[in-house]
Amino acid sequence: MGRAGGADAHQQPDQQGMCVAGLDAALTIRQANQEFFRQFSGSSEELCGRSIRDVVHPSVQQPLMRQFSHLLEGKHQRFVTPVIAVRPGGESAFTVPLTAIAVSGGLPGTNAVLVMMPTAKGTEETRVVTKRKKVLSAMDARILEGIAAGISTIPLSSRLFLSPHGVEYHVTCLLRKLKVRNRTALVSRAYSMGVLKIGTWPPEVVDDFVK
């Protein structure tokens, strides 16, 4: 970020318990402190040059990118939002608040973003599907989206050109796959696992989990 964004994050003393990264206008990680590298189990060579999207779960990427867009357009100077952060390799995930602050240089407009997240030490790991498993068929995904939107069996069968029995068969398979007993729990589990995108209506399954 140069002098406009303060000293390089590499040169800053680590803020204990806080991950700090500097992004360019394309939301690429350019600089970060050692706490950030430790948190995401990577080196500067591995993480710098990658998009901030790469360290958040796909279920939260769409609303997060929308907030970043508003920041870069000058609609806001900062925002704070909870995100599901994912370590490279998808081995684990954790929920933390992310703070983003617009940084302006000598030219008009925002040309960098400062991102801060507390470390996840001592916090419970988030039970989401972190390895992008292809857990659903295309029809399973459409039915899950319909259930999440509150559509009952008969209109859902008409929309998907299935018999009501066919819809119920897929619902039973979904209940078994997500290990829940009813439709309400199914939707709740799907959101908590990151299978359904957060902040999107009508509900939409994350493509990564569809076969």
N, C-alpha and C. Protein backbone atom coordinates (compact mmCIF):
# COMPACT_ATOMS: atom_id res chain seq x y z
N MET A 1 0.81 -1.21 0.00
CA MET A 1 0.00 0.00 0.00
C MET A 1 0.85 1.26 0.00
N GLY A 2 2.13 1.09 0.28
CA GLY A 2 3.02 2.26 0.27
C GLY A 2 2.74 3.15 1.45
N ARG A 3 3.21 4.37 1.37
CA ARG A 3 3.10 5.30 2.48
C ARG A 3 1.66 5.72 2.72
N ALA A 4 0.83 5.67 1.68
CA ALA A 4 -0.56 6.08 1.86
C ALA A 4 -1.27 5.19 2.84
N GLY A 5 -0.90 3.91 2.91
CA GLY A 5 -1.57 2.99 3.81
C GLY A 5 -0.77 2.77 5.08
N GLY A 6 0.24 3.60 5.37
CA GLY A 6 1.07 3.41 6.52
C GLY A 6 2.23 2.51 6.17
N ALA A 7 2.97 2.08 7.15
CA ALA A 7 4.12 1.22 6.92
C ALA A 7 3.66 -0.13 6.40
N ASP A 8 4.56 -0.81 5.65
CA ASP A 8 4.24 -2.14 5.15
C ASP A 8 3.87 -3.05 6.31
N ALA A 9 2.89 -3.91 6.06
CA ALA A 9 2.45 -4.82 7.11
C ALA A 9 3.58 -5.75 7.51
N HIS A 10 4.50 -6.07 6.54
CA HIS A 10 5.64 -6.90 6.88
C HIS A 10 6.55 -6.22 7.90
N GLN A 11 6.55 -4.91 7.88
CA GLN A 11 7.46 -4.17 8.73
C GLN A 11 6.79 -3.75 10.04
N GLN A 12 5.50 -3.94 10.14
CA GLN A 12 4.80 -3.54 11.34
C GLN A 12 5.01 -4.58 12.42
N PRO A 13 5.10 -4.20 13.70
CA PRO A 13 5.13 -5.19 14.76
C PRO A 13 3.80 -5.93 14.78
N ASP A 14 3.84 -7.23 15.04
CA ASP A 14 2.61 -8.01 15.04
C ASP A 14 1.66 -7.50 16.12
N GLN A 15 0.39 -7.38 15.76
CA GLN A 15 -0.62 -7.05 16.74
C GLN A 15 -1.09 -8.37 17.34
N GLN A 16 -0.77 -8.62 18.58
CA GLN A 16 -1.07 -9.90 19.19
C GLN A 16 -2.56 -10.19 19.12
N GLY A 17 -2.89 -11.35 18.61
CA GLY A 17 -4.29 -11.75 18.52
C GLY A 17 -5.03 -11.16 17.35
N MET A 18 -4.35 -10.46 16.45
CA MET A 18 -5.03 -9.82 15.32
C MET A 18 -4.28 -10.12 14.02
N CYS A 19 -5.02 -10.66 13.05
CA CYS A 19 -4.47 -10.89 11.72
C CYS A 19 -4.73 -9.64 10.88
N VAL A 20 -3.70 -9.13 10.23
CA VAL A 20 -3.82 -7.91 9.44
C VAL A 20 -3.26 -8.17 8.04
N ALA A 21 -4.02 -7.76 7.02
CA ALA A 21 -3.56 -7.91 5.64
C ALA A 21 -3.93 -6.67 4.84
N GLY A 22 -3.07 -6.32 3.90
CA GLY A 22 -3.33 -5.21 2.99
C GLY A 22 -3.70 -5.76 1.62
N LEU A 23 -4.83 -5.32 1.07
CA LEU A 23 -5.30 -5.77 -0.24
C LEU A 23 -5.20 -4.62 -1.23
N ASP A 24 -4.98 -4.95 -2.51
CA ASP A 24 -5.06 -3.92 -3.52
C ASP A 24 -6.50 -3.78 -4.00
N ALA A 25 -6.74 -2.95 -5.00
CA ALA A 25 -8.10 -2.70 -5.45
C ALA A 25 -8.75 -3.93 -6.09
N ALA A 26 -7.94 -4.92 -6.46
CA ALA A 26 -8.47 -6.17 -7.01
C ALA A 26 -8.71 -7.20 -5.90
N LEU A 27 -8.53 -6.78 -4.64
CA LEU A 27 -8.72 -7.61 -3.45
C LEU A 27 -7.71 -8.76 -3.39
N THR A 28 -6.53 -8.49 -3.93
CA THR A 28 -5.42 -9.42 -3.85
C THR A 28 -4.60 -9.11 -2.60
N ILE A 29 -4.21 -10.14 -1.87
CA ILE A 29 -3.39 -9.96 -0.67
C ILE A 29 -1.99 -9.52 -1.10
N ARG A 30 -1.58 -8.33 -0.67
CA ARG A 30 -0.26 -7.80 -1.02
C ARG A 30 0.71 -7.85 0.15
N GLN A 31 0.19 -7.66 1.35
CA GLN A 31 1.01 -7.62 2.54
C GLN A 31 0.21 -8.22 3.68
N ALA A 32 0.90 -8.72 4.68
CA ALA A 32 0.21 -9.25 5.86
C ALA A 32 1.20 -9.34 7.01
N ASN A 33 0.68 -9.37 8.22
CA ASN A 33 1.57 -9.55 9.37
C ASN A 33 1.77 -11.03 9.66
N GLN A 34 2.69 -11.32 10.54
CA GLN A 34 3.03 -12.71 10.82
C GLN A 34 1.86 -13.48 11.43
N GLU A 35 1.01 -12.79 12.18
CA GLU A 35 -0.16 -13.44 12.78
C GLU A 35 -1.10 -13.96 11.69
N PHE A 36 -1.22 -13.19 10.60
CA PHE A 36 -2.05 -13.62 9.46
C PHE A 36 -1.47 -14.89 8.85
N PHE A 37 -0.15 -14.90 8.63
CA PHE A 37 0.48 -16.08 8.04
C PHE A 37 0.34 -17.30 8.95
N ARG A 38 0.49 -17.09 10.26
CA ARG A 38 0.34 -18.21 11.20
C ARG A 38 -1.10 -18.72 11.19
N GLN A 39 -2.05 -17.79 11.18
CA GLN A 39 -3.47 -18.18 11.24
C GLN A 39 -3.86 -19.05 10.06
N PHE A 40 -3.34 -18.69 8.87
CA PHE A 40 -3.73 -19.40 7.66
C PHE A 40 -2.66 -20.40 7.20
N SER A 41 -1.73 -20.70 8.10
CA SER A 41 -0.76 -21.78 7.88
C SER A 41 -0.02 -21.64 6.55
N GLY A 42 0.40 -20.43 6.24
CA GLY A 42 1.11 -20.21 4.99
C GLY A 42 2.24 -19.20 5.16
N SER A 43 3.08 -19.11 4.15
CA SER A 43 4.17 -18.13 4.13
C SER A 43 3.74 -16.95 3.28
N SER A 44 4.55 -15.91 3.25
CA SER A 44 4.24 -14.75 2.41
C SER A 44 4.22 -15.15 0.94
N GLU A 45 5.11 -16.08 0.55
CA GLU A 45 5.14 -16.52 -0.85
C GLU A 45 3.87 -17.27 -1.22
N GLU A 46 3.29 -18.01 -0.26
CA GLU A 46 2.09 -18.80 -0.54
C GLU A 46 0.81 -17.97 -0.53
N LEU A 47 0.76 -16.95 0.30
CA LEU A 47 -0.49 -16.19 0.48
C LEU A 47 -0.51 -14.86 -0.27
N CYS A 48 0.61 -14.17 -0.33
CA CYS A 48 0.62 -12.89 -1.05
C CYS A 48 0.46 -13.15 -2.55
N GLY A 49 -0.43 -12.40 -3.17
CA GLY A 49 -0.74 -12.61 -4.58
C GLY A 49 -2.03 -13.40 -4.77
N ARG A 50 -2.61 -13.93 -3.69
CA ARG A 50 -3.87 -14.65 -3.78
C ARG A 50 -5.02 -13.72 -3.41
N SER A 51 -6.21 -14.05 -3.86
CA SER A 51 -7.39 -13.25 -3.54
C SER A 51 -7.83 -13.52 -2.12
N ILE A 52 -8.43 -12.52 -1.50
CA ILE A 52 -8.99 -12.69 -0.16
C ILE A 52 -10.10 -13.74 -0.18
N ARG A 53 -10.71 -13.97 -1.37
CA ARG A 53 -11.73 -15.02 -1.50
C ARG A 53 -11.18 -16.39 -1.11
N ASP A 54 -9.87 -16.59 -1.30
CA ASP A 54 -9.28 -17.90 -1.07
C ASP A 54 -9.22 -18.28 0.40
N VAL A 55 -9.43 -17.32 1.30
CA VAL A 55 -9.35 -17.64 2.72
C VAL A 55 -10.72 -17.56 3.40
N VAL A 56 -11.80 -17.49 2.59
CA VAL A 56 -13.14 -17.53 3.18
C VAL A 56 -13.95 -18.63 2.51
N HIS A 57 -14.91 -19.16 3.22
CA HIS A 57 -15.73 -20.26 2.73
C HIS A 57 -16.62 -19.78 1.59
N PRO A 58 -16.86 -20.62 0.57
CA PRO A 58 -17.68 -20.18 -0.58
C PRO A 58 -19.09 -19.75 -0.20
N SER A 59 -19.62 -20.23 0.92
CA SER A 59 -20.98 -19.83 1.30
C SER A 59 -21.08 -18.36 1.67
N VAL A 60 -19.95 -17.73 2.04
CA VAL A 60 -19.98 -16.32 2.43
C VAL A 60 -19.32 -15.41 1.41
N GLN A 61 -18.78 -15.98 0.33
CA GLN A 61 -18.03 -15.17 -0.62
C GLN A 61 -18.89 -14.11 -1.31
N GLN A 62 -20.09 -14.48 -1.74
CA GLN A 62 -20.92 -13.53 -2.50
C GLN A 62 -21.29 -12.29 -1.69
N PRO A 63 -21.86 -12.43 -0.47
CA PRO A 63 -22.15 -11.21 0.29
C PRO A 63 -20.91 -10.44 0.71
N LEU A 64 -19.79 -11.15 0.95
CA LEU A 64 -18.56 -10.46 1.33
C LEU A 64 -18.02 -9.64 0.17
N MET A 65 -18.02 -10.21 -1.04
CA MET A 65 -17.55 -9.47 -2.21
C MET A 65 -18.43 -8.25 -2.49
N ARG A 66 -19.73 -8.38 -2.20
CA ARG A 66 -20.63 -7.25 -2.39
C ARG A 66 -20.26 -6.11 -1.44
N GLN A 67 -19.92 -6.44 -0.22
CA GLN A 67 -19.52 -5.40 0.73
C GLN A 67 -18.19 -4.77 0.33
N PHE A 68 -17.27 -5.59 -0.17
CA PHE A 68 -16.00 -5.03 -0.65
C PHE A 68 -16.23 -4.09 -1.83
N SER A 69 -17.16 -4.45 -2.71
CA SER A 69 -17.47 -3.59 -3.87
C SER A 69 -17.97 -2.23 -3.42
N HIS A 70 -18.86 -2.22 -2.42
CA HIS A 70 -19.38 -0.95 -1.90
C HIS A 70 -18.25 -0.12 -1.29
N LEU A 71 -17.31 -0.82 -0.65
CA LEU A 71 -16.17 -0.12 -0.04
C LEU A 71 -15.32 0.54 -1.13
N LEU A 72 -15.02 -0.20 -2.18
CA LEU A 72 -14.18 0.32 -3.26
C LEU A 72 -14.87 1.41 -4.06
N GLU A 73 -16.21 1.37 -4.10
CA GLU A 73 -16.98 2.40 -4.80
C GLU A 73 -17.15 3.67 -3.97
N GLY A 74 -16.68 3.63 -2.74
CA GLY A 74 -16.78 4.81 -1.88
C GLY A 74 -18.09 4.96 -1.14
N LYS A 75 -18.94 3.90 -1.18
CA LYS A 75 -20.23 3.98 -0.48
C LYS A 75 -20.05 3.87 1.03
N HIS A 76 -18.99 3.21 1.45
CA HIS A 76 -18.68 3.08 2.87
C HIS A 76 -17.18 3.26 3.04
N GLN A 77 -16.77 3.63 4.23
CA GLN A 77 -15.36 3.72 4.55
C GLN A 77 -14.86 2.47 5.26
N ARG A 78 -15.77 1.74 5.87
CA ARG A 78 -15.40 0.51 6.58
C ARG A 78 -16.64 -0.35 6.75
N PHE A 79 -16.41 -1.63 7.01
CA PHE A 79 -17.51 -2.50 7.40
C PHE A 79 -16.96 -3.60 8.29
N VAL A 80 -17.86 -4.16 9.09
CA VAL A 80 -17.52 -5.30 9.94
C VAL A 80 -18.56 -6.38 9.70
N THR A 81 -18.13 -7.59 9.43
CA THR A 81 -19.06 -8.67 9.14
C THR A 81 -18.48 -10.00 9.60
N PRO A 82 -19.30 -10.91 10.11
CA PRO A 82 -18.77 -12.24 10.44
C PRO A 82 -18.51 -13.04 9.17
N VAL A 83 -17.42 -13.76 9.13
CA VAL A 83 -17.10 -14.61 7.98
C VAL A 83 -16.67 -15.99 8.48
N ILE A 84 -16.78 -16.96 7.59
CA ILE A 84 -16.22 -18.28 7.86
C ILE A 84 -14.89 -18.33 7.14
N ALA A 85 -13.81 -18.25 7.90
CA ALA A 85 -12.48 -18.28 7.32
C ALA A 85 -12.01 -19.73 7.18
N VAL A 86 -11.29 -20.02 6.11
CA VAL A 86 -10.85 -21.38 5.82
C VAL A 86 -9.35 -21.40 5.60
N ARG A 87 -8.68 -22.30 6.26
CA ARG A 87 -7.24 -22.44 6.06
C ARG A 87 -6.98 -23.12 4.72
N PRO A 88 -5.87 -22.79 4.05
CA PRO A 88 -5.54 -23.43 2.78
C PRO A 88 -5.56 -24.95 2.91
N GLY A 89 -6.10 -25.61 1.90
CA GLY A 89 -6.22 -27.06 1.95
C GLY A 89 -7.55 -27.51 2.49
N GLY A 90 -8.34 -26.54 3.06
CA GLY A 90 -9.67 -26.86 3.54
C GLY A 90 -9.70 -27.78 4.74
N GLU A 91 -8.62 -27.79 5.55
CA GLU A 91 -8.58 -28.71 6.67
C GLU A 91 -9.44 -28.26 7.84
N SER A 92 -9.64 -26.96 8.00
CA SER A 92 -10.45 -26.48 9.11
C SER A 92 -11.00 -25.10 8.80
N ALA A 93 -12.05 -24.75 9.52
CA ALA A 93 -12.69 -23.45 9.31
C ALA A 93 -13.08 -22.88 10.66
N PHE A 94 -13.23 -21.57 10.72
CA PHE A 94 -13.58 -20.92 11.97
C PHE A 94 -14.31 -19.62 11.65
N THR A 95 -15.23 -19.24 12.51
CA THR A 95 -16.01 -18.03 12.32
C THR A 95 -15.37 -16.88 13.10
N VAL A 96 -15.10 -15.79 12.41
CA VAL A 96 -14.49 -14.61 13.04
C VAL A 96 -15.11 -13.35 12.44
N PRO A 97 -15.11 -12.24 13.18
CA PRO A 97 -15.53 -10.97 12.57
C PRO A 97 -14.41 -10.40 11.71
N LEU A 98 -14.74 -9.97 10.51
CA LEU A 98 -13.77 -9.35 9.61
C LEU A 98 -14.06 -7.87 9.53
N THR A 99 -13.04 -7.05 9.74
CA THR A 99 -13.15 -5.61 9.60
C THR A 99 -12.36 -5.18 8.37
N ALA A 100 -13.00 -4.42 7.48
CA ALA A 100 -12.33 -3.92 6.27
C ALA A 100 -12.40 -2.40 6.28
N ILE A 101 -11.28 -1.75 5.99
CA ILE A 101 -11.20 -0.29 6.01
C ILE A 101 -10.62 0.19 4.68
N ALA A 102 -11.30 1.14 4.05
CA ALA A 102 -10.81 1.71 2.79
C ALA A 102 -9.60 2.60 3.07
N VAL A 103 -8.58 2.49 2.22
CA VAL A 103 -7.38 3.30 2.34
C VAL A 103 -7.18 4.06 1.04
N SER A 104 -7.15 5.38 1.13
CA SER A 104 -6.98 6.21 -0.06
C SER A 104 -5.56 6.72 -0.15
N GLY A 105 -5.04 6.78 -1.37
CA GLY A 105 -3.70 7.32 -1.59
C GLY A 105 -3.78 8.75 -2.04
N GLY A 106 -2.84 9.15 -2.86
CA GLY A 106 -2.81 10.53 -3.33
C GLY A 106 -3.85 10.82 -4.39
N LEU A 107 -4.38 9.77 -5.03
CA LEU A 107 -5.37 9.96 -6.07
C LEU A 107 -6.76 9.77 -5.51
N PRO A 108 -7.79 10.36 -6.16
CA PRO A 108 -9.16 10.19 -5.68
C PRO A 108 -9.55 8.72 -5.69
N GLY A 109 -10.38 8.36 -4.74
CA GLY A 109 -10.90 7.00 -4.70
C GLY A 109 -10.07 6.09 -3.82
N THR A 110 -10.62 4.90 -3.60
CA THR A 110 -9.95 3.90 -2.78
C THR A 110 -9.01 3.08 -3.63
N ASN A 111 -7.76 2.95 -3.21
CA ASN A 111 -6.84 2.12 -3.97
C ASN A 111 -6.25 0.99 -3.16
N ALA A 112 -6.73 0.82 -1.93
CA ALA A 112 -6.28 -0.30 -1.11
C ALA A 112 -7.30 -0.54 0.01
N VAL A 113 -7.24 -1.72 0.58
CA VAL A 113 -8.14 -2.08 1.67
C VAL A 113 -7.32 -2.75 2.77
N LEU A 114 -7.54 -2.34 3.99
CA LEU A 114 -6.92 -2.97 5.15
C LEU A 114 -7.93 -3.92 5.77
N VAL A 115 -7.54 -5.18 5.96
CA VAL A 115 -8.42 -6.20 6.52
C VAL A 115 -7.85 -6.68 7.85
N MET A 116 -8.72 -6.79 8.86
CA MET A 116 -8.30 -7.26 10.17
C MET A 116 -9.26 -8.32 10.68
N MET A 117 -8.69 -9.39 11.24
CA MET A 117 -9.48 -10.45 11.85
C MET A 117 -8.79 -10.92 13.12
N PRO A 118 -9.54 -11.16 14.19
CA PRO A 118 -8.90 -11.73 15.38
C PRO A 118 -8.50 -13.17 15.09
N THR A 119 -7.48 -13.65 15.76
CA THR A 119 -7.10 -15.05 15.59
C THR A 119 -8.17 -15.94 16.20
N ALA A 120 -8.18 -17.19 15.76
CA ALA A 120 -9.21 -18.13 16.22
C ALA A 120 -8.76 -18.94 17.41
N LYS A 121 -7.67 -18.53 18.06
CA LYS A 121 -7.17 -19.28 19.21
C LYS A 121 -8.24 -19.33 20.29
N GLY A 122 -8.52 -20.53 20.77
CA GLY A 122 -9.48 -20.68 21.85
C GLY A 122 -10.91 -20.67 21.40
N THR A 123 -11.19 -20.50 20.10
CA THR A 123 -12.56 -20.51 19.62
C THR A 123 -12.87 -21.86 19.02
N GLU A 124 -14.14 -22.20 18.99
CA GLU A 124 -14.56 -23.50 18.47
C GLU A 124 -14.49 -23.50 16.95
N GLU A 125 -13.97 -24.58 16.41
CA GLU A 125 -13.92 -24.73 14.96
C GLU A 125 -15.34 -24.78 14.41
N THR A 126 -15.57 -24.17 13.27
CA THR A 126 -16.89 -24.14 12.65
C THR A 126 -17.12 -25.44 11.88
N ARG A 127 -18.25 -26.08 12.12
CA ARG A 127 -18.55 -27.35 11.47
C ARG A 127 -19.17 -27.10 10.10
N VAL A 128 -18.32 -26.79 9.15
CA VAL A 128 -18.78 -26.60 7.78
C VAL A 128 -18.07 -27.61 6.89
N VAL A 129 -18.60 -27.79 5.69
CA VAL A 129 -17.94 -28.66 4.72
C VAL A 129 -16.79 -27.86 4.14
N THR A 130 -15.57 -28.13 4.59
CA THR A 130 -14.44 -27.30 4.19
C THR A 130 -13.72 -27.83 2.96
N LYS A 131 -13.93 -29.07 2.60
CA LYS A 131 -13.17 -29.65 1.49
C LYS A 131 -13.94 -29.65 0.18
N ARG A 132 -15.01 -28.86 0.11
CA ARG A 132 -15.77 -28.71 -1.14
C ARG A 132 -16.23 -30.07 -1.67
N LYS A 133 -16.71 -30.96 -0.77
CA LYS A 133 -17.15 -32.28 -1.19
C LYS A 133 -18.37 -32.17 -2.09
N LYS A 134 -18.40 -32.99 -3.14
CA LYS A 134 -19.54 -33.03 -4.04
C LYS A 134 -20.61 -33.91 -3.38
N VAL A 135 -21.36 -33.33 -2.45
CA VAL A 135 -22.28 -34.12 -1.64
C VAL A 135 -23.68 -34.20 -2.22
N LEU A 136 -24.02 -33.35 -3.19
CA LEU A 136 -25.38 -33.30 -3.71
C LEU A 136 -25.41 -33.53 -5.21
N SER A 137 -26.47 -34.18 -5.67
CA SER A 137 -26.73 -34.23 -7.10
C SER A 137 -27.37 -32.91 -7.50
N ALA A 138 -27.46 -32.66 -8.80
CA ALA A 138 -28.08 -31.42 -9.27
C ALA A 138 -29.53 -31.34 -8.81
N MET A 139 -30.25 -32.47 -8.83
CA MET A 139 -31.65 -32.46 -8.39
C MET A 139 -31.76 -32.26 -6.89
N ASP A 140 -30.85 -32.88 -6.12
CA ASP A 140 -30.82 -32.65 -4.67
C ASP A 140 -30.69 -31.15 -4.38
N ALA A 141 -29.80 -30.50 -5.13
CA ALA A 141 -29.55 -29.08 -4.91
C ALA A 141 -30.80 -28.25 -5.17
N ARG A 142 -31.51 -28.54 -6.28
CA ARG A 142 -32.72 -27.78 -6.60
C ARG A 142 -33.80 -28.00 -5.55
N ILE A 143 -33.91 -29.23 -5.05
CA ILE A 143 -34.92 -29.53 -4.03
C ILE A 143 -34.56 -28.85 -2.72
N LEU A 144 -33.29 -28.87 -2.35
CA LEU A 144 -32.87 -28.19 -1.13
C LEU A 144 -33.14 -26.70 -1.22
N GLU A 145 -32.87 -26.11 -2.37
CA GLU A 145 -33.16 -24.68 -2.56
C GLU A 145 -34.65 -24.41 -2.43
N GLY A 146 -35.48 -25.30 -2.98
CA GLY A 146 -36.93 -25.13 -2.88
C GLY A 146 -37.43 -25.24 -1.45
N ILE A 147 -36.92 -26.21 -0.72
CA ILE A 147 -37.31 -26.37 0.68
C ILE A 147 -36.90 -25.14 1.49
N ALA A 148 -35.68 -24.65 1.24
CA ALA A 148 -35.20 -23.47 1.95
C ALA A 148 -36.04 -22.23 1.63
N ALA A 149 -36.65 -22.22 0.44
CA ALA A 149 -37.51 -21.09 0.05
C ALA A 149 -38.94 -21.27 0.56
N GLY A 150 -39.21 -22.39 1.23
CA GLY A 150 -40.54 -22.61 1.79
C GLY A 150 -41.55 -23.20 0.83
N ILE A 151 -41.08 -23.80 -0.26
CA ILE A 151 -41.98 -24.38 -1.26
C ILE A 151 -42.35 -25.80 -0.84
N SER A 152 -43.62 -26.12 -0.82
CA SER A 152 -44.08 -27.44 -0.40
C SER A 152 -43.95 -28.46 -1.53
N THR A 153 -44.26 -29.70 -1.22
CA THR A 153 -44.00 -30.81 -2.15
C THR A 153 -44.70 -30.66 -3.50
N ILE A 154 -46.00 -30.36 -3.51
CA ILE A 154 -46.75 -30.33 -4.77
C ILE A 154 -46.23 -29.26 -5.73
N PRO A 155 -46.14 -27.98 -5.31
CA PRO A 155 -45.59 -26.98 -6.24
C PRO A 155 -44.14 -27.25 -6.61
N LEU A 156 -43.38 -27.87 -5.69
CA LEU A 156 -41.99 -28.18 -6.00
C LEU A 156 -41.91 -29.28 -7.06
N SER A 157 -42.82 -30.24 -6.98
CA SER A 157 -42.84 -31.32 -7.98
C SER A 157 -43.20 -30.77 -9.36
N SER A 158 -44.13 -29.81 -9.41
CA SER A 158 -44.50 -29.20 -10.69
C SER A 158 -43.35 -28.40 -11.26
N ARG A 159 -42.63 -27.66 -10.40
CA ARG A 159 -41.53 -26.83 -10.86
C ARG A 159 -40.38 -27.67 -11.41
N LEU A 160 -40.15 -28.84 -10.80
CA LEU A 160 -38.99 -29.67 -11.17
C LEU A 160 -39.37 -30.84 -12.07
N PHE A 161 -40.65 -30.89 -12.48
CA PHE A 161 -41.13 -31.96 -13.36
C PHE A 161 -40.88 -33.35 -12.76
N LEU A 162 -41.18 -33.46 -11.46
CA LEU A 162 -41.09 -34.73 -10.75
C LEU A 162 -42.46 -35.06 -10.19
N SER A 163 -42.67 -36.32 -9.85
CA SER A 163 -43.88 -36.68 -9.12
C SER A 163 -43.69 -36.28 -7.66
N PRO A 164 -44.78 -36.08 -6.92
CA PRO A 164 -44.63 -35.81 -5.49
C PRO A 164 -43.82 -36.90 -4.78
N HIS A 165 -44.03 -38.15 -5.21
CA HIS A 165 -43.26 -39.25 -4.62
C HIS A 165 -41.76 -39.06 -4.90
N GLY A 166 -41.42 -38.60 -6.11
CA GLY A 166 -40.02 -38.37 -6.44
C GLY A 166 -39.40 -37.29 -5.59
N VAL A 167 -40.16 -36.22 -5.33
CA VAL A 167 -39.67 -35.15 -4.46
C VAL A 167 -39.40 -35.70 -3.06
N GLU A 168 -40.37 -36.48 -2.53
CA GLU A 168 -40.22 -37.03 -1.18
C GLU A 168 -39.03 -37.98 -1.10
N TYR A 169 -38.76 -38.68 -2.18
CA TYR A 169 -37.61 -39.59 -2.20
C TYR A 169 -36.31 -38.78 -2.05
N HIS A 170 -36.20 -37.69 -2.81
CA HIS A 170 -35.00 -36.86 -2.72
C HIS A 170 -34.89 -36.19 -1.35
N VAL A 171 -36.04 -35.79 -0.80
CA VAL A 171 -36.01 -35.18 0.54
C VAL A 171 -35.49 -36.18 1.56
N THR A 172 -35.96 -37.44 1.47
CA THR A 172 -35.50 -38.48 2.38
C THR A 172 -33.99 -38.69 2.25
N CYS A 173 -33.50 -38.67 1.02
CA CYS A 173 -32.06 -38.81 0.78
C CYS A 173 -31.29 -37.64 1.39
N LEU A 174 -31.83 -36.44 1.26
CA LEU A 174 -31.18 -35.26 1.84
C LEU A 174 -31.14 -35.34 3.36
N LEU A 175 -32.24 -35.77 3.96
CA LEU A 175 -32.27 -35.91 5.42
C LEU A 175 -31.21 -36.90 5.88
N ARG A 176 -31.05 -37.96 5.11
CA ARG A 176 -30.06 -38.98 5.47
C ARG A 176 -28.65 -38.43 5.29
N LYS A 177 -28.40 -37.72 4.20
CA LYS A 177 -27.06 -37.20 3.93
C LYS A 177 -26.62 -36.18 4.98
N LEU A 178 -27.55 -35.32 5.38
CA LEU A 178 -27.20 -34.27 6.34
C LEU A 178 -27.50 -34.67 7.78
N LYS A 179 -28.02 -35.91 7.95
CA LYS A 179 -28.22 -36.50 9.28
C LYS A 179 -29.15 -35.66 10.15
N VAL A 180 -30.31 -35.34 9.59
CA VAL A 180 -31.34 -34.60 10.34
C VAL A 180 -32.68 -35.31 10.17
N ARG A 181 -33.70 -34.88 10.95
CA ARG A 181 -34.97 -35.60 10.97
C ARG A 181 -36.10 -34.94 10.21
N ASN A 182 -36.00 -33.64 9.96
CA ASN A 182 -37.12 -32.96 9.30
C ASN A 182 -36.60 -31.83 8.42
N ARG A 183 -37.51 -31.21 7.67
CA ARG A 183 -37.12 -30.19 6.69
C ARG A 183 -36.55 -28.94 7.35
N THR A 184 -37.11 -28.54 8.48
CA THR A 184 -36.60 -27.35 9.17
C THR A 184 -35.15 -27.55 9.58
N ALA A 185 -34.87 -28.71 10.16
CA ALA A 185 -33.49 -29.02 10.57
C ALA A 185 -32.59 -29.15 9.35
N LEU A 186 -33.14 -29.63 8.24
CA LEU A 186 -32.37 -29.78 7.00
C LEU A 186 -31.84 -28.43 6.52
N VAL A 187 -32.72 -27.43 6.49
CA VAL A 187 -32.32 -26.10 6.05
C VAL A 187 -31.31 -25.49 7.01
N SER A 188 -31.57 -25.64 8.32
CA SER A 188 -30.65 -25.10 9.31
C SER A 188 -29.28 -25.74 9.19
N ARG A 189 -29.23 -27.06 9.01
CA ARG A 189 -27.96 -27.76 8.88
C ARG A 189 -27.23 -27.34 7.61
N ALA A 190 -27.98 -27.18 6.52
CA ALA A 190 -27.37 -26.79 5.24
C ALA A 190 -26.69 -25.43 5.35
N TYR A 191 -27.35 -24.48 6.03
CA TYR A 191 -26.73 -23.16 6.23
C TYR A 191 -25.51 -23.27 7.14
N SER A 192 -25.64 -24.02 8.23
CA SER A 192 -24.54 -24.10 9.18
C SER A 192 -23.32 -24.80 8.60
N MET A 193 -23.55 -25.73 7.65
CA MET A 193 -22.44 -26.44 7.00
C MET A 193 -21.85 -25.65 5.85
N GLY A 194 -22.52 -24.55 5.44
CA GLY A 194 -22.01 -23.77 4.32
C GLY A 194 -22.44 -24.29 2.97
N VAL A 195 -23.42 -25.20 2.93
CA VAL A 195 -23.91 -25.74 1.66
C VAL A 195 -24.81 -24.73 0.95
N LEU A 196 -25.56 -23.95 1.72
CA LEU A 196 -26.39 -22.87 1.17
C LEU A 196 -25.66 -21.55 1.34
N LYS A 197 -25.68 -20.71 0.31
CA LYS A 197 -25.02 -19.41 0.37
C LYS A 197 -25.71 -18.51 1.39
N ILE A 198 -24.91 -17.77 2.11
CA ILE A 198 -25.42 -16.83 3.11
C ILE A 198 -25.70 -15.49 2.44
N GLY A 199 -26.82 -14.86 2.80
CA GLY A 199 -27.15 -13.54 2.28
C GLY A 199 -27.69 -13.55 0.87
N THR A 200 -28.21 -14.69 0.41
CA THR A 200 -28.73 -14.80 -0.96
C THR A 200 -30.19 -15.22 -0.94
N TRP A 201 -31.04 -14.56 -1.73
CA TRP A 201 -32.44 -14.94 -1.88
C TRP A 201 -32.84 -14.81 -3.35
N PRO A 202 -33.52 -15.80 -3.92
CA PRO A 202 -33.90 -17.06 -3.29
C PRO A 202 -32.69 -17.90 -2.91
N PRO A 203 -32.89 -18.87 -2.01
CA PRO A 203 -31.76 -19.68 -1.55
C PRO A 203 -31.02 -20.34 -2.71
N GLU A 204 -29.71 -20.46 -2.54
CA GLU A 204 -28.87 -21.02 -3.61
C GLU A 204 -27.78 -21.90 -3.00
N VAL A 205 -27.66 -23.11 -3.54
CA VAL A 205 -26.62 -24.03 -3.10
C VAL A 205 -25.28 -23.61 -3.69
N VAL A 206 -24.21 -23.71 -2.89
CA VAL A 206 -22.86 -23.42 -3.37
C VAL A 206 -22.48 -24.46 -4.42
N ASP A 207 -22.06 -23.98 -5.60
CA ASP A 207 -21.78 -24.88 -6.72
C ASP A 207 -20.75 -25.95 -6.39
N ASP A 208 -19.81 -25.62 -5.52
CA ASP A 208 -18.72 -26.55 -5.18
C ASP A 208 -19.22 -27.88 -4.63
N PHE A 209 -20.45 -27.88 -4.09
CA PHE A 209 -20.95 -29.09 -3.44
C PHE A 209 -21.91 -29.89 -4.31
N VAL A 210 -22.02 -29.51 -5.59
CA VAL A 210 -22.92 -30.20 -6.50
C VAL A 210 -22.11 -31.08 -7.44
N LYS A 211 -22.51 -32.33 -7.60
CA LYS A 211 -21.80 -33.29 -8.46
C LYS A 211 -21.92 -32.88 -9.91
